[in-house]
Amino acid sequence: MQNTEIKHMIVAFILFLMGIFFAWETRNLPSGFMQALPADVYPRVIAIVLAGLSMMKFIKNFIKYRSNKNNNEIEIKKFSFKDKYLRPVVIALLFYLYILAVPYIGYYETGLLFLVTSIFFLGENSFNWMMKSIFFSSLVIAVVYIVFTIFLDIYVPSGIII
């Protein structure tokens, strides 16, 4: 188990360095023409978020490594056929169907359907989980709509409703 935390810390640290490097490189991006925001804002925000999340992952795994080192506990996980093979295949199939459906149904409608079905499939088989997947999927699509369509005025394939 300790070996896993060390690997995760190494990957998190590399991603942190990449985020810092990308944020540093955005300082030379030219301004766009007639845009609501300068061209460097979006990549800089993504790079800073990458660096921040990577550092949080590093700290989390460091704390876990230290506690496991003190306890000398070994955690064994069993993976079922569904976890190992079925879920990735179904998610890949859903993603493929999502790509095919966007021109016909629309970007936001297809995105909502994709998120609801994939979140529900990856979680529990309960009514409570289904309601959570609908709520969070709707929230994500609403934020994407506000940012891309209203705030940034970016064209996305129109659909049945939006």
Protein backbone atom coordinates (compact mmCIF):
# COMPACT_ATOMS: atom_id res chain seq x y z
CA MET A 1 0.00 0.00 0.00
CA GLN A 2 2.84 2.40 0.75
CA ASN A 3 4.24 1.84 -2.71
CA THR A 4 0.95 3.06 -4.22
CA GLU A 5 1.01 6.29 -2.21
CA ILE A 6 4.59 6.97 -3.29
CA LYS A 7 3.65 6.49 -6.95
CA HIS A 8 0.65 8.78 -6.53
CA MET A 9 2.81 11.42 -4.85
CA ILE A 10 5.32 11.30 -7.71
CA VAL A 11 2.59 11.68 -10.34
CA ALA A 12 0.92 14.49 -8.36
CA PHE A 13 4.22 16.33 -8.02
CA ILE A 14 4.92 16.01 -11.77
CA LEU A 15 1.43 17.34 -12.56
CA PHE A 16 2.00 20.18 -10.09
CA LEU A 17 5.21 21.15 -11.88
CA MET A 18 3.43 20.94 -15.25
CA GLY A 19 0.66 23.23 -13.96
CA ILE A 20 3.20 25.78 -12.73
CA PHE A 21 5.08 25.58 -16.04
CA PHE A 22 1.88 26.04 -18.09
CA ALA A 23 0.76 28.96 -15.91
CA TRP A 24 4.18 30.57 -16.37
CA GLU A 25 4.02 30.08 -20.16
CA THR A 26 0.64 31.84 -20.43
CA ARG A 27 2.24 35.17 -19.58
CA ASN A 28 3.37 35.56 -23.23
CA LEU A 29 0.07 34.76 -24.92
CA PRO A 30 -1.17 37.62 -27.14
CA SER A 31 -4.50 39.28 -26.51
CA GLY A 32 -7.38 38.22 -28.67
CA PHE A 33 -9.39 40.56 -30.86
CA MET A 34 -12.74 41.78 -29.45
CA GLN A 35 -13.01 39.12 -26.76
CA ALA A 36 -14.73 39.42 -23.41
CA LEU A 37 -11.60 38.09 -21.70
CA PRO A 38 -7.96 38.14 -22.78
CA ALA A 39 -6.70 34.96 -24.44
CA ASP A 40 -4.45 34.03 -21.53
CA VAL A 41 -7.17 33.85 -18.86
CA TYR A 42 -8.64 30.43 -19.66
CA PRO A 43 -5.33 28.52 -20.02
CA ARG A 44 -3.93 30.25 -16.93
CA VAL A 45 -6.97 29.29 -14.84
CA ILE A 46 -6.77 25.68 -16.05
CA ALA A 47 -3.04 25.55 -15.26
CA ILE A 48 -3.55 26.99 -11.78
CA VAL A 49 -6.41 24.57 -11.08
CA LEU A 50 -4.19 21.69 -12.26
CA ALA A 51 -1.37 22.80 -9.97
CA GLY A 52 -3.71 23.29 -7.01
CA LEU A 53 -5.49 19.96 -7.37
CA SER A 54 -2.18 18.17 -7.88
CA MET A 55 -0.77 19.69 -4.72
CA MET A 56 -3.89 18.66 -2.79
CA LYS A 57 -3.51 15.11 -4.12
CA PHE A 58 0.16 15.13 -3.12
CA ILE A 59 -0.67 16.27 0.42
CA LYS A 60 -3.50 13.74 0.75
CA ASN A 61 -1.25 10.86 -0.31
CA PHE A 62 1.58 12.09 1.92
CA ILE A 63 -0.73 12.08 4.93
CA LYS A 64 -2.04 8.64 3.96
CA TYR A 65 1.52 7.37 3.49
CA ARG A 66 2.55 8.64 6.93
CA SER A 67 -0.47 7.11 8.65
CA ASN A 68 0.00 3.74 6.89
CA LYS A 69 3.70 3.79 7.71
CA ASN A 70 2.86 4.18 11.40
CA ASN A 71 0.08 1.58 11.38
CA ASN A 72 1.72 -0.90 9.00
CA GLU A 73 -1.74 -1.82 7.68
CA ILE A 74 -2.22 -3.57 4.40
CA GLU A 75 -5.41 -2.90 2.48
CA ILE A 76 -6.54 -5.49 -0.05
CA LYS A 77 -9.03 -4.51 -2.72
CA LYS A 78 -10.94 -7.01 -4.77
CA PHE A 79 -12.08 -5.97 -8.20
CA SER A 80 -15.06 -7.60 -9.77
CA PHE A 81 -15.63 -8.18 -13.48
CA LYS A 82 -17.97 -5.17 -13.51
CA ASP A 83 -15.34 -2.85 -12.03
CA LYS A 84 -12.48 -4.02 -14.19
CA TYR A 85 -14.02 -4.63 -17.62
CA LEU A 86 -17.69 -3.71 -17.90
CA ARG A 87 -17.61 -0.14 -16.62
CA PRO A 88 -14.85 1.14 -18.94
CA VAL A 89 -16.49 -0.49 -21.95
CA VAL A 90 -19.91 0.96 -21.13
CA ILE A 91 -18.48 4.45 -20.49
CA ALA A 92 -16.55 4.30 -23.78
CA LEU A 93 -19.75 3.23 -25.57
CA LEU A 94 -21.70 6.06 -23.91
CA PHE A 95 -19.02 8.53 -24.96
CA TYR A 96 -19.14 7.25 -28.54
CA LEU A 97 -22.94 7.61 -28.59
CA TYR A 98 -22.55 11.10 -27.11
CA ILE A 99 -20.26 12.14 -29.96
CA LEU A 100 -22.65 10.73 -32.55
CA ALA A 101 -25.74 12.35 -30.98
CA VAL A 102 -24.42 15.92 -30.52
CA PRO A 103 -25.17 17.09 -34.11
CA TYR A 104 -28.71 15.68 -33.98
CA ILE A 105 -29.89 16.31 -30.42
CA GLY A 106 -27.66 19.25 -29.45
CA TYR A 107 -24.63 19.87 -27.29
CA TYR A 108 -26.34 20.66 -23.99
CA GLU A 109 -29.10 18.07 -24.25
CA THR A 110 -26.67 15.30 -25.20
CA GLY A 111 -24.26 16.40 -22.48
CA LEU A 112 -27.01 16.20 -19.89
CA LEU A 113 -28.01 12.71 -21.03
CA PHE A 114 -24.39 11.55 -21.08
CA LEU A 115 -23.63 12.90 -17.61
CA VAL A 116 -26.79 11.53 -16.01
CA THR A 117 -26.34 8.04 -17.45
CA SER A 118 -22.60 7.81 -16.79
CA ILE A 119 -22.80 9.14 -13.22
CA PHE A 120 -25.71 6.84 -12.45
CA PHE A 121 -23.93 3.86 -14.02
CA LEU A 122 -20.74 4.49 -12.06
CA GLY A 123 -22.58 4.87 -8.74
CA GLU A 124 -25.13 2.96 -6.74
CA ASN A 125 -28.38 1.49 -8.02
CA SER A 126 -30.69 3.60 -5.88
CA PHE A 127 -33.26 6.32 -6.34
CA ASN A 128 -31.21 8.68 -4.16
CA TRP A 129 -28.15 8.24 -6.40
CA MET A 130 -30.27 8.80 -9.52
CA MET A 131 -31.58 12.08 -8.10
CA LYS A 132 -28.03 13.17 -7.23
CA SER A 133 -26.83 12.34 -10.74
CA ILE A 134 -29.68 14.36 -12.27
CA PHE A 135 -29.01 17.31 -9.95
CA PHE A 136 -25.24 17.45 -10.46
CA SER A 137 -25.52 16.84 -14.20
CA SER A 138 -28.03 19.68 -14.52
CA LEU A 139 -25.77 21.91 -12.45
CA VAL A 140 -22.74 21.15 -14.65
CA ILE A 141 -24.70 21.76 -17.86
CA ALA A 142 -26.10 25.03 -16.47
CA VAL A 143 -22.60 26.27 -15.60
CA VAL A 144 -21.27 25.21 -19.02
CA TYR A 145 -24.22 26.99 -20.70
CA ILE A 146 -23.63 30.19 -18.73
CA VAL A 147 -19.88 30.20 -19.35
CA PHE A 148 -19.79 29.17 -23.01
CA THR A 149 -23.02 30.56 -24.44
CA ILE A 150 -23.76 33.63 -22.34
CA PHE A 151 -20.38 34.76 -21.01
CA LEU A 152 -17.97 33.77 -23.79
CA ASP A 153 -20.52 33.76 -26.66
CA ILE A 154 -19.10 30.55 -28.18
CA TYR A 155 -21.13 28.65 -30.74
CA VAL A 156 -22.14 25.13 -29.78
CA PRO A 157 -24.37 22.82 -31.82
CA SER A 158 -27.96 23.87 -31.16
CA GLY A 159 -30.43 21.28 -30.09
CA ILE A 160 -34.06 20.50 -29.50
CA ILE A 161 -34.46 22.69 -26.41
CA ILE A 162 -31.47 25.04 -26.25
